[in-house]
Amino acid sequence: MAKIKFKIYDKNRKRLLSGTGYSITGDGEVQTFNSHGLPEGTVNNRHLKPILYSGKKDITGRDIYEGFIVERIGAVPGDEEITGVVVFDEYSWLIRNDKEKRAVFLFSETAMDKVIGNIYEDIVLAKRIIGDNS
């Protein structure tokens, strides 16, 4: 079973946060804690968005999260090459390229995936792949 992990995206600062001091509530809200370990409430944290770990690492060992931009290189004949955004859609992890109107499953026995950015911090790269809706 894949380890359930999250990163936190701060919409106000437009960057991913690292570290601890966060938890995810049952309704998907982000709960933060002060320096004494006491909860600060979710109402003040509406600008924080949890980003789900896919359960897969890229060829360099980096964790792949939802919204990360992945470049896939085929290792054997039949592997589809694609550069796209990792999404969880209809119970499956996909690498999706909206401009090319195609997607492939993230999990592959042979293809080599490398994280090259994310839609949260790499706006120019994201627009090349998903258009101006980012």
Protein backbone atom coordinates (compact mmCIF):
# COMPACT_ATOMS: atom_id res chain seq x y z
CA MET A 1 0.00 0.00 0.00
CA ALA A 2 1.27 3.44 -0.90
CA LYS A 3 2.17 5.81 1.88
CA ILE A 4 -0.37 8.64 2.21
CA LYS A 5 1.49 11.94 2.15
CA PHE A 6 0.67 15.53 1.30
CA LYS A 7 2.44 18.74 0.45
CA ILE A 8 0.74 22.05 1.22
CA TYR A 9 0.25 24.73 -1.43
CA ASP A 10 -0.04 28.30 -0.13
CA LYS A 11 -2.25 30.18 -2.62
CA ASN A 12 -1.29 33.55 -1.11
CA ARG A 13 2.47 33.03 -1.45
CA LYS A 14 2.09 30.91 -4.60
CA ARG A 15 4.50 28.22 -3.42
CA LEU A 16 4.65 24.76 -1.94
CA LEU A 17 5.39 24.56 1.76
CA SER A 18 7.60 21.96 3.34
CA GLY A 19 7.87 20.87 6.90
CA THR A 20 5.47 19.73 9.56
CA GLY A 21 2.76 21.39 11.61
CA TYR A 22 -0.11 20.60 9.25
CA SER A 23 -2.83 18.00 9.17
CA ILE A 24 -5.72 17.37 6.80
CA THR A 25 -9.25 17.26 8.20
CA GLY A 26 -11.89 14.78 7.07
CA ASP A 27 -13.38 17.33 4.68
CA GLY A 28 -10.02 18.13 3.07
CA GLU A 29 -9.27 21.37 4.93
CA VAL A 30 -5.77 22.13 6.23
CA GLN A 31 -5.34 22.35 10.00
CA THR A 32 -2.27 24.20 11.31
CA PHE A 33 -0.75 24.19 14.77
CA ASN A 34 1.03 26.90 16.71
CA SER A 35 4.45 26.54 18.36
CA HIS A 36 2.80 24.96 21.42
CA GLY A 37 1.10 22.28 19.33
CA LEU A 38 -2.37 23.77 19.68
CA PRO A 39 -4.68 23.88 16.63
CA GLU A 40 -5.13 27.29 15.02
CA GLY A 41 -8.29 26.45 13.08
CA THR A 42 -9.15 25.78 9.47
CA VAL A 43 -11.06 29.02 8.80
CA ASN A 44 -7.77 30.95 8.82
CA ASN A 45 -6.23 28.43 6.42
CA ARG A 46 -8.54 28.60 3.40
CA HIS A 47 -5.51 29.71 1.36
CA LEU A 48 -3.76 26.39 2.06
CA LYS A 49 -4.48 23.46 -0.26
CA PRO A 50 -3.39 19.85 0.34
CA ILE A 51 -1.54 18.25 -2.58
CA LEU A 52 -1.75 14.44 -2.62
CA TYR A 53 1.27 12.14 -3.11
CA SER A 54 0.76 9.69 -5.98
CA GLY A 55 2.67 6.84 -4.35
CA LYS A 56 5.35 6.92 -7.05
CA LYS A 57 8.87 8.33 -7.33
CA ASP A 58 10.56 9.60 -10.47
CA ILE A 59 13.83 8.22 -11.87
CA THR A 60 15.85 10.46 -9.52
CA GLY A 61 13.96 9.29 -6.42
CA ARG A 62 11.82 12.41 -6.09
CA ASP A 63 8.23 11.94 -4.88
CA ILE A 64 5.57 12.67 -7.51
CA TYR A 65 2.59 14.71 -6.29
CA GLU A 66 -0.65 15.81 -7.93
CA GLY A 67 0.06 18.89 -10.06
CA PHE A 68 3.69 17.99 -10.71
CA ILE A 69 4.86 18.23 -14.31
CA VAL A 70 6.43 14.99 -15.48
CA GLU A 71 8.43 14.19 -18.58
CA ARG A 72 8.03 10.54 -19.59
CA ILE A 73 10.58 8.81 -21.78
CA GLY A 74 9.75 5.38 -23.14
CA ALA A 75 12.21 2.65 -22.24
CA VAL A 76 10.82 -0.07 -24.50
CA PRO A 77 8.83 -0.07 -27.76
CA GLY A 78 5.20 0.70 -27.03
CA ASP A 79 5.85 3.11 -24.15
CA GLU A 80 4.11 6.42 -24.87
CA GLU A 81 6.29 9.49 -24.41
CA ILE A 82 4.53 12.51 -22.94
CA THR A 83 5.17 15.63 -20.91
CA GLY A 84 2.20 16.53 -18.77
CA VAL A 85 0.64 17.25 -15.41
CA VAL A 86 0.01 14.48 -12.89
CA VAL A 87 -3.69 14.31 -12.02
CA PHE A 88 -5.91 11.93 -10.08
CA ASP A 89 -8.97 11.40 -12.27
CA GLU A 90 -11.67 8.75 -12.02
CA TYR A 91 -9.68 6.68 -9.51
CA SER A 92 -6.50 6.63 -11.61
CA TRP A 93 -3.25 8.59 -11.63
CA LEU A 94 -2.56 10.03 -15.08
CA ILE A 95 -0.01 12.18 -16.85
CA ARG A 96 -2.21 14.55 -18.84
CA ASN A 97 -1.34 17.02 -21.57
CA ASP A 98 -4.41 19.13 -22.33
CA LYS A 99 -2.84 20.91 -25.31
CA GLU A 100 -2.20 17.55 -27.01
CA LYS A 101 -5.55 16.24 -25.74
CA ARG A 102 -4.10 13.01 -24.41
CA ALA A 103 -3.19 11.25 -21.21
CA VAL A 104 -1.37 8.10 -20.13
CA PHE A 105 -1.41 6.17 -16.88
CA LEU A 106 1.25 7.33 -14.41
CA PHE A 107 2.12 3.84 -13.28
CA SER A 108 4.21 1.92 -15.82
CA GLU A 109 6.55 -1.02 -15.42
CA THR A 110 9.08 0.33 -17.91
CA ALA A 111 8.65 4.03 -18.73
CA MET A 112 11.03 6.54 -17.13
CA ASP A 113 9.40 9.57 -15.51
CA LYS A 114 11.19 12.71 -14.36
CA VAL A 115 9.67 15.63 -12.44
CA ILE A 116 10.51 18.85 -14.28
CA GLY A 117 8.30 21.28 -12.36
CA ASN A 118 4.85 21.84 -10.94
CA ILE A 119 1.76 23.86 -11.83
CA TYR A 120 1.90 25.78 -8.56
CA GLU A 121 5.28 27.45 -8.98
CA ASP A 122 6.25 26.96 -12.64
CA ILE A 123 3.49 28.97 -14.31
CA VAL A 124 5.23 29.43 -17.70
CA LEU A 125 5.95 25.71 -18.04
CA ALA A 126 2.43 24.82 -16.90
CA LYS A 127 0.84 27.13 -19.50
CA ARG A 128 2.81 25.40 -22.26
CA ILE A 129 1.26 22.09 -21.21
CA ILE A 130 -2.23 22.90 -19.93
CA GLY A 131 -2.92 26.22 -21.62
CA ASP A 132 -4.00 29.50 -20.07
CA ASN A 133 -6.38 27.90 -17.55
CA SER A 134 -3.62 27.43 -14.96
